[in-house]
Amino acid sequence: MRASLSIQPEVEGASETVLFRLIHPNGQPSVKISASMTGAGLSFVGGDDESYIILEADGPESRLKMVEQGGREHLVSP
């Protein structure tokens, strides 16, 4: 499977979420797009599984988190 679309049910503290994944041939989700009543997000994972980017809007808050191999991290928020 190289792509999936699913609905994550509402659980305590989190609303129902639609999740779209694009999956690398090795089974690792490389791109995720999510949307719920309270927010939305995008994530991109590098081939090494240690570098990734998360762009997130959650209610009135937004942030961009970038992590490089070795754990070096940069967080951007207004």
PDB file of N, CA and C in Angstrom:
ATOM      1  N   MET A   1       0.843  -1.173   0.000  1.00  0.00           N
ATOM      2  CA  MET A   1       0.000   0.000   0.000  1.00  0.00           C
ATOM      3  C   MET A   1       0.895   1.245   0.000  1.00  0.00           C
ATOM      4  N   ARG A   2       0.607   2.202  -0.866  1.00  0.00           N
ATOM      5  CA  ARG A   2       1.427   3.402  -0.981  1.00  0.00           C
ATOM      6  C   ARG A   2       0.711   4.660  -0.526  1.00  0.00           C
ATOM      7  N   ALA A   3      -0.605   4.562  -0.265  1.00  0.00           N
ATOM      8  CA  ALA A   3      -1.378   5.701   0.224  1.00  0.00           C
ATOM      9  C   ALA A   3      -2.543   5.176   1.044  1.00  0.00           C
ATOM     10  N   SER A   4      -2.985   5.985   2.020  1.00  0.00           N
ATOM     11  CA  SER A   4      -4.165   5.603   2.787  1.00  0.00           C
ATOM     12  C   SER A   4      -4.934   6.847   3.196  1.00  0.00           C
ATOM     13  N   LEU A   5      -6.221   6.675   3.322  1.00  0.00           N
ATOM     14  CA  LEU A   5      -7.111   7.720   3.793  1.00  0.00           C
ATOM     15  C   LEU A   5      -7.947   7.087   4.887  1.00  0.00           C
ATOM     16  N   SER A   6      -7.918   7.685   6.084  1.00  0.00           N
ATOM     17  CA  SER A   6      -8.650   7.094   7.198  1.00  0.00           C
ATOM     18  C   SER A   6      -9.297   8.188   8.042  1.00  0.00           C
ATOM     19  N   ILE A   7     -10.257   7.763   8.842  1.00  0.00           N
ATOM     20  CA  ILE A   7     -10.896   8.654   9.802  1.00  0.00           C
ATOM     21  C   ILE A   7     -10.581   8.120  11.184  1.00  0.00           C
ATOM     22  N   GLN A   8      -9.908   8.945  11.981  1.00  0.00           N
ATOM     23  CA  GLN A   8      -9.584   8.586  13.349  1.00  0.00           C
ATOM     24  C   GLN A   8     -10.757   9.026  14.218  1.00  0.00           C
ATOM     25  N   PRO A   9     -11.360   8.141  14.987  1.00  0.00           N
ATOM     26  CA  PRO A   9     -12.535   8.510  15.768  1.00  0.00           C
ATOM     27  C   PRO A   9     -12.212   9.520  16.868  1.00  0.00           C
ATOM     28  N   GLU A  10     -13.243  10.213  17.296  1.00  0.00           N
ATOM     29  CA  GLU A  10     -13.104  11.160  18.402  1.00  0.00           C
ATOM     30  C   GLU A  10     -12.724  10.386  19.657  1.00  0.00           C
ATOM     31  N   VAL A  11     -11.730  10.894  20.355  1.00  0.00           N
ATOM     32  CA  VAL A  11     -11.327  10.328  21.644  1.00  0.00           C
ATOM     33  C   VAL A  11     -11.251  11.469  22.644  1.00  0.00           C
ATOM     34  N   GLU A  12     -11.154  11.131  23.889  1.00  0.00           N
ATOM     35  CA  GLU A  12     -11.111  12.152  24.936  1.00  0.00           C
ATOM     36  C   GLU A  12     -10.004  13.179  24.656  1.00  0.00           C
ATOM     37  N   GLY A  13     -10.388  14.435  24.513  1.00  0.00           N
ATOM     38  CA  GLY A  13      -9.422  15.501  24.278  1.00  0.00           C
ATOM     39  C   GLY A  13      -9.092  15.764  22.825  1.00  0.00           C
ATOM     40  N   ALA A  14      -9.600  14.961  21.896  1.00  0.00           N
ATOM     41  CA  ALA A  14      -9.305  15.158  20.473  1.00  0.00           C
ATOM     42  C   ALA A  14     -10.541  14.857  19.631  1.00  0.00           C
ATOM     43  N   SER A  15     -10.826  15.746  18.674  1.00  0.00           N
ATOM     44  CA  SER A  15     -11.988  15.544  17.813  1.00  0.00           C
ATOM     45  C   SER A  15     -11.664  14.557  16.689  1.00  0.00           C
ATOM     46  N   GLU A  16     -12.719  14.091  16.010  1.00  0.00           N
ATOM     47  CA  GLU A  16     -12.548  13.188  14.876  1.00  0.00           C
ATOM     48  C   GLU A  16     -11.580  13.813  13.869  1.00  0.00           C
ATOM     49  N   THR A  17     -10.695  13.012  13.296  1.00  0.00           N
ATOM     50  CA  THR A  17      -9.659  13.512  12.394  1.00  0.00           C
ATOM     51  C   THR A  17      -9.605  12.684  11.118  1.00  0.00           C
ATOM     52  N   VAL A  18      -9.525  13.368   9.986  1.00  0.00           N
ATOM     53  CA  VAL A  18      -9.297  12.713   8.702  1.00  0.00           C
ATOM     54  C   VAL A  18      -7.789  12.728   8.459  1.00  0.00           C
ATOM     55  N   LEU A  19      -7.218  11.592   8.088  1.00  0.00           N
ATOM     56  CA  LEU A  19      -5.776  11.469   7.919  1.00  0.00           C
ATOM     57  C   LEU A  19      -5.460  10.850   6.559  1.00  0.00           C
ATOM     58  N   PHE A  20      -4.653  11.562   5.764  1.00  0.00           N
ATOM     59  CA  PHE A  20      -4.195  11.084   4.456  1.00  0.00           C
ATOM     60  C   PHE A  20      -2.699  10.845   4.555  1.00  0.00           C
ATOM     61  N   ARG A  21      -2.252   9.654   4.172  1.00  0.00           N
ATOM     62  CA  ARG A  21      -0.827   9.304   4.240  1.00  0.00           C
ATOM     63  C   ARG A  21      -0.327   8.902   2.859  1.00  0.00           C
ATOM     64  N   LEU A  22       0.862   9.386   2.506  1.00  0.00           N
ATOM     65  CA  LEU A  22       1.598   8.902   1.343  1.00  0.00           C
ATOM     66  C   LEU A  22       2.756   8.093   1.900  1.00  0.00           C
ATOM     67  N   ILE A  23       2.888   6.871   1.423  1.00  0.00           N
ATOM     68  CA  ILE A  23       3.783   5.914   2.065  1.00  0.00           C
ATOM     69  C   ILE A  23       4.912   5.503   1.130  1.00  0.00           C
ATOM     70  N   HIS A  24       6.138   5.530   1.634  1.00  0.00           N
ATOM     71  CA  HIS A  24       7.343   5.114   0.913  1.00  0.00           C
ATOM     72  C   HIS A  24       7.271   3.602   0.677  1.00  0.00           C
ATOM     73  N   PRO A  25       7.926   3.078  -0.350  1.00  0.00           N
ATOM     74  CA  PRO A  25       7.883   1.635  -0.608  1.00  0.00           C
ATOM     75  C   PRO A  25       8.295   0.764   0.585  1.00  0.00           C
ATOM     76  N   ASN A  26       9.094   1.312   1.507  1.00  0.00           N
ATOM     77  CA  ASN A  26       9.510   0.524   2.680  1.00  0.00           C
ATOM     78  C   ASN A  26       8.450   0.501   3.779  1.00  0.00           C
ATOM     79  N   GLY A  27       7.304   1.157   3.554  1.00  0.00           N
ATOM     80  CA  GLY A  27       6.220   1.145   4.529  1.00  0.00           C
ATOM     81  C   GLY A  27       6.156   2.363   5.430  1.00  0.00           C
ATOM     82  N   GLN A  28       7.140   3.241   5.347  1.00  0.00           N
ATOM     83  CA  GLN A  28       7.190   4.434   6.194  1.00  0.00           C
ATOM     84  C   GLN A  28       6.320   5.549   5.606  1.00  0.00           C
ATOM     85  N   PRO A  29       5.386   6.115   6.399  1.00  0.00           N
ATOM     86  CA  PRO A  29       4.642   7.273   5.906  1.00  0.00           C
ATOM     87  C   PRO A  29       5.597   8.454   5.715  1.00  0.00           C
ATOM     88  N   SER A  30       5.677   8.984   4.496  1.00  0.00           N
ATOM     89  CA  SER A  30       6.567  10.106   4.205  1.00  0.00           C
ATOM     90  C   SER A  30       5.854  11.444   4.260  1.00  0.00           C
ATOM     91  N   VAL A  31       4.552  11.450   3.939  1.00  0.00           N
ATOM     92  CA  VAL A  31       3.753  12.668   3.967  1.00  0.00           C
ATOM     93  C   VAL A  31       2.454  12.347   4.689  1.00  0.00           C
ATOM     94  N   LYS A  32       2.069  13.214   5.624  1.00  0.00           N
ATOM     95  CA  LYS A  32       0.784  13.074   6.297  1.00  0.00           C
ATOM     96  C   LYS A  32       0.066  14.412   6.239  1.00  0.00           C
ATOM     97  N   ILE A  33      -1.216  14.356   5.962  1.00  0.00           N
ATOM     98  CA  ILE A  33      -2.071  15.537   5.979  1.00  0.00           C
ATOM     99  C   ILE A  33      -3.263  15.192   6.863  1.00  0.00           C
ATOM    100  N   SER A  34      -3.528  16.026   7.855  1.00  0.00           N
ATOM    101  CA  SER A  34      -4.641  15.750   8.756  1.00  0.00           C
ATOM    102  C   SER A  34      -5.541  16.970   8.888  1.00  0.00           C
ATOM    103  N   ALA A  35      -6.810  16.711   9.188  1.00  0.00           N
ATOM    104  CA  ALA A  35      -7.770  17.793   9.396  1.00  0.00           C
ATOM    105  C   ALA A  35      -8.821  17.341  10.395  1.00  0.00           C
ATOM    106  N   SER A  36      -9.169  18.258  11.303  1.00  0.00           N
ATOM    107  CA  SER A  36     -10.220  17.996  12.278  1.00  0.00           C
ATOM    108  C   SER A  36     -11.022  19.276  12.479  1.00  0.00           C
ATOM    109  N   MET A  37     -11.971  19.241  13.359  1.00  0.00           N
ATOM    110  CA  MET A  37     -12.785  20.431  13.637  1.00  0.00           C
ATOM    111  C   MET A  37     -11.955  21.532  14.299  1.00  0.00           C
ATOM    112  N   THR A  38     -10.888  21.171  14.970  1.00  0.00           N
ATOM    113  CA  THR A  38     -10.102  22.156  15.711  1.00  0.00           C
ATOM    114  C   THR A  38      -8.806  22.572  15.041  1.00  0.00           C
ATOM    115  N   GLY A  39      -8.362  21.841  14.009  1.00  0.00           N
ATOM    116  CA  GLY A  39      -7.092  22.207  13.394  1.00  0.00           C
ATOM    117  C   GLY A  39      -6.732  21.330  12.218  1.00  0.00           C
ATOM    118  N   ALA A  40      -5.518  21.553  11.719  1.00  0.00           N
ATOM    119  CA  ALA A  40      -5.008  20.797  10.587  1.00  0.00           C
ATOM    120  C   ALA A  40      -3.490  20.756  10.666  1.00  0.00           C
ATOM    121  N   GLY A  41      -2.895  19.805   9.957  1.00  0.00           N
ATOM    122  CA  GLY A  41      -1.451  19.700   9.973  1.00  0.00           C
ATOM    123  C   GLY A  41      -0.899  18.983   8.760  1.00  0.00           C
ATOM    124  N   LEU A  42       0.385  19.228   8.528  1.00  0.00           N
ATOM    125  CA  LEU A  42       1.151  18.570   7.473  1.00  0.00           C
ATOM    126  C   LEU A  42       2.442  18.071   8.100  1.00  0.00           C
ATOM    127  N   SER A  43       2.897  16.912   7.675  1.00  0.00           N
ATOM    128  CA  SER A  43       4.226  16.479   8.097  1.00  0.00           C
ATOM    129  C   SER A  43       4.932  15.820   6.924  1.00  0.00           C
ATOM    130  N   PHE A  44       6.231  16.021   6.876  1.00  0.00           N
ATOM    131  CA  PHE A  44       7.093  15.462   5.836  1.00  0.00           C
ATOM    132  C   PHE A  44       8.267  14.798   6.544  1.00  0.00           C
ATOM    133  N   VAL A  45       8.517  13.529   6.222  1.00  0.00           N
ATOM    134  CA  VAL A  45       9.593  12.784   6.868  1.00  0.00           C
ATOM    135  C   VAL A  45      10.667  12.486   5.838  1.00  0.00           C
ATOM    136  N   GLY A  46      11.930  12.746   6.208  1.00  0.00           N
ATOM    137  CA  GLY A  46      13.055  12.442   5.326  1.00  0.00           C
ATOM    138  C   GLY A  46      13.299  10.952   5.244  1.00  0.00           C
ATOM    139  N   GLY A  47      14.072  10.535   4.268  1.00  0.00           N
ATOM    140  CA  GLY A  47      14.355   9.124   4.054  1.00  0.00           C
ATOM    141  C   GLY A  47      15.067   8.453   5.205  1.00  0.00           C
ATOM    142  N   ASP A  48      15.736   9.225   6.067  1.00  0.00           N
ATOM    143  CA  ASP A  48      16.457   8.644   7.192  1.00  0.00           C
ATOM    144  C   ASP A  48      15.565   8.430   8.409  1.00  0.00           C
ATOM    145  N   ASP A  49      14.312   8.875   8.348  1.00  0.00           N
ATOM    146  CA  ASP A  49      13.340   8.745   9.436  1.00  0.00           C
ATOM    147  C   ASP A  49      13.732   9.559  10.671  1.00  0.00           C
ATOM    148  N   GLU A  50      14.815  10.321  10.612  1.00  0.00           N
ATOM    149  CA  GLU A  50      15.228  11.151  11.739  1.00  0.00           C
ATOM    150  C   GLU A  50      15.034  12.630  11.456  1.00  0.00           C
ATOM    151  N   SER A  51      14.856  13.006  10.191  1.00  0.00           N
ATOM    152  CA  SER A  51      14.618  14.405   9.849  1.00  0.00           C
ATOM    153  C   SER A  51      13.168  14.545   9.391  1.00  0.00           C
ATOM    154  N   TYR A  52      12.508  15.571   9.916  1.00  0.00           N
ATOM    155  CA  TYR A  52      11.108  15.773   9.563  1.00  0.00           C
ATOM    156  C   TYR A  52      10.689  17.223   9.800  1.00  0.00           C
ATOM    157  N   ILE A  53       9.554  17.576   9.205  1.00  0.00           N
ATOM    158  CA  ILE A  53       8.956  18.899   9.347  1.00  0.00           C
ATOM    159  C   ILE A  53       7.493  18.696   9.705  1.00  0.00           C
ATOM    160  N   ILE A  54       7.010  19.457  10.682  1.00  0.00           N
ATOM    161  CA  ILE A  54       5.594  19.437  11.046  1.00  0.00           C
ATOM    162  C   ILE A  54       5.077  20.869  10.999  1.00  0.00           C
ATOM    163  N   LEU A  55       4.046  21.095  10.214  1.00  0.00           N
ATOM    164  CA  LEU A  55       3.368  22.387  10.128  1.00  0.00           C
ATOM    165  C   LEU A  55       1.976  22.165  10.684  1.00  0.00           C
ATOM    166  N   GLU A  56       1.618  22.937  11.719  1.00  0.00           N
ATOM    167  CA  GLU A  56       0.403  22.638  12.447  1.00  0.00           C
ATOM    168  C   GLU A  56      -0.363  23.907  12.813  1.00  0.00           C
ATOM    169  N   ALA A  57      -1.671  23.861  12.647  1.00  0.00           N
ATOM    170  CA  ALA A  57      -2.561  24.916  13.126  1.00  0.00           C
ATOM    171  C   ALA A  57      -3.565  24.232  14.038  1.00  0.00           C
ATOM    172  N   ASP A  58      -3.572  24.613  15.292  1.00  0.00           N
ATOM    173  CA  ASP A  58      -4.424  23.970  16.282  1.00  0.00           C
ATOM    174  C   ASP A  58      -5.201  25.048  17.019  1.00  0.00           C
ATOM    175  N   GLY A  59      -6.491  25.184  16.677  1.00  0.00           N
ATOM    176  CA  GLY A  59      -7.275  26.274  17.266  1.00  0.00           C
ATOM    177  C   GLY A  59      -6.640  27.604  16.897  1.00  0.00           C
ATOM    178  N   PRO A  60      -6.393  28.471  17.876  1.00  0.00           N
ATOM    179  CA  PRO A  60      -5.806  29.781  17.585  1.00  0.00           C
ATOM    180  C   PRO A  60      -4.273  29.760  17.462  1.00  0.00           C
ATOM    181  N   GLU A  61      -3.652  28.613  17.652  1.00  0.00           N
ATOM    182  CA  GLU A  61      -2.187  28.523  17.649  1.00  0.00           C
ATOM    183  C   GLU A  61      -1.672  27.863  16.380  1.00  0.00           C
ATOM    184  N   SER A  62      -0.497  28.299  15.927  1.00  0.00           N
ATOM    185  CA  SER A  62       0.166  27.669  14.793  1.00  0.00           C
ATOM    186  C   SER A  62       1.650  27.540  15.095  1.00  0.00           C
ATOM    187  N   ARG A  63       2.289  26.561  14.442  1.00  0.00           N
ATOM    188  CA  ARG A  63       3.725  26.357  14.675  1.00  0.00           C
ATOM    189  C   ARG A  63       4.324  25.537  13.535  1.00  0.00           C
ATOM    190  N   LEU A  64       5.618  25.695  13.383  1.00  0.00           N
ATOM    191  CA  LEU A  64       6.403  24.936  12.422  1.00  0.00           C
ATOM    192  C   LEU A  64       7.570  24.336  13.192  1.00  0.00           C
ATOM    193  N   LYS A  65       7.700  23.027  13.154  1.00  0.00           N
ATOM    194  CA  LYS A  65       8.782  22.336  13.855  1.00  0.00           C
ATOM    195  C   LYS A  65       9.624  21.611  12.825  1.00  0.00           C
ATOM    196  N   MET A  66      10.927  21.859  12.855  1.00  0.00           N
ATOM    197  CA  MET A  66      11.860  21.209  11.940  1.00  0.00           C
ATOM    198  C   MET A  66      12.900  20.456  12.764  1.00  0.00           C
ATOM    199  N   VAL A  67      13.103  19.193  12.449  1.00  0.00           N
ATOM    200  CA  VAL A  67      14.072  18.369  13.169  1.00  0.00           C
ATOM    201  C   VAL A  67      14.999  17.738  12.148  1.00  0.00           C
ATOM    202  N   GLU A  68      16.314  17.838  12.414  1.00  0.00           N
ATOM    203  CA  GLU A  68      17.319  17.238  11.537  1.00  0.00           C
ATOM    204  C   GLU A  68      17.891  15.995  12.190  1.00  0.00           C
ATOM    205  N   GLN A  69      18.542  15.188  11.378  1.00  0.00           N
ATOM    206  CA  GLN A  69      19.203  13.989  11.882  1.00  0.00           C
ATOM    207  C   GLN A  69      20.098  14.377  13.052  1.00  0.00           C
ATOM    208  N   GLY A  70      20.094  13.582  14.088  1.00  0.00           N
ATOM    209  CA  GLY A  70      20.881  13.895  15.273  1.00  0.00           C
ATOM    210  C   GLY A  70      20.089  14.665  16.315  1.00  0.00           C
ATOM    211  N   GLY A  71      18.830  14.999  16.008  1.00  0.00           N
ATOM    212  CA  GLY A  71      17.977  15.656  16.983  1.00  0.00           C
ATOM    213  C   GLY A  71      17.999  17.169  17.023  1.00  0.00           C
ATOM    214  N   ARG A  72      18.800  17.804  16.140  1.00  0.00           N
ATOM    215  CA  ARG A  72      18.814  19.268  16.100  1.00  0.00           C
ATOM    216  C   ARG A  72      17.427  19.754  15.693  1.00  0.00           C
ATOM    217  N   GLU A  73      16.849  20.657  16.493  1.00  0.00           N
ATOM    218  CA  GLU A  73      15.459  21.061  16.333  1.00  0.00           C
ATOM    219  C   GLU A  73      15.315  22.570  16.265  1.00  0.00           C
ATOM    220  N   HIS A  74      14.374  23.015  15.436  1.00  0.00           N
ATOM    221  CA  HIS A  74      14.056  24.447  15.345  1.00  0.00           C
ATOM    222  C   HIS A  74      12.540  24.581  15.347  1.00  0.00           C
ATOM    223  N   LEU A  75      12.013  25.408  16.246  1.00  0.00           N
ATOM    224  CA  LEU A  75      10.575  25.627  16.368  1.00  0.00           C
ATOM    225  C   LEU A  75      10.280  27.071  16.030  1.00  0.00           C
ATOM    226  N   VAL A  76       9.309  27.289  15.136  1.00  0.00           N
ATOM    227  CA  VAL A  76       8.883  28.627  14.746  1.00  0.00           C
ATOM    228  C   VAL A  76       7.417  28.766  15.098  1.00  0.00           C
ATOM    229  N   SER A  77       7.105  29.815  15.860  1.00  0.00           N
ATOM    230  CA  SER A  77       5.709  30.123  16.171  1.00  0.00           C
ATOM    231  C   SER A  77       5.591  31.626  16.306  1.00  0.00           C
ATOM    232  N   PRO A  78       4.394  32.164  15.995  1.00  0.00           N
ATOM    233  CA  PRO A  78       4.221  33.637  16.048  1.00  0.00           C
ATOM    234  C   PRO A  78       4.391  34.186  17.454  1.00  0.00           C
TER     235      PRO A  78
END
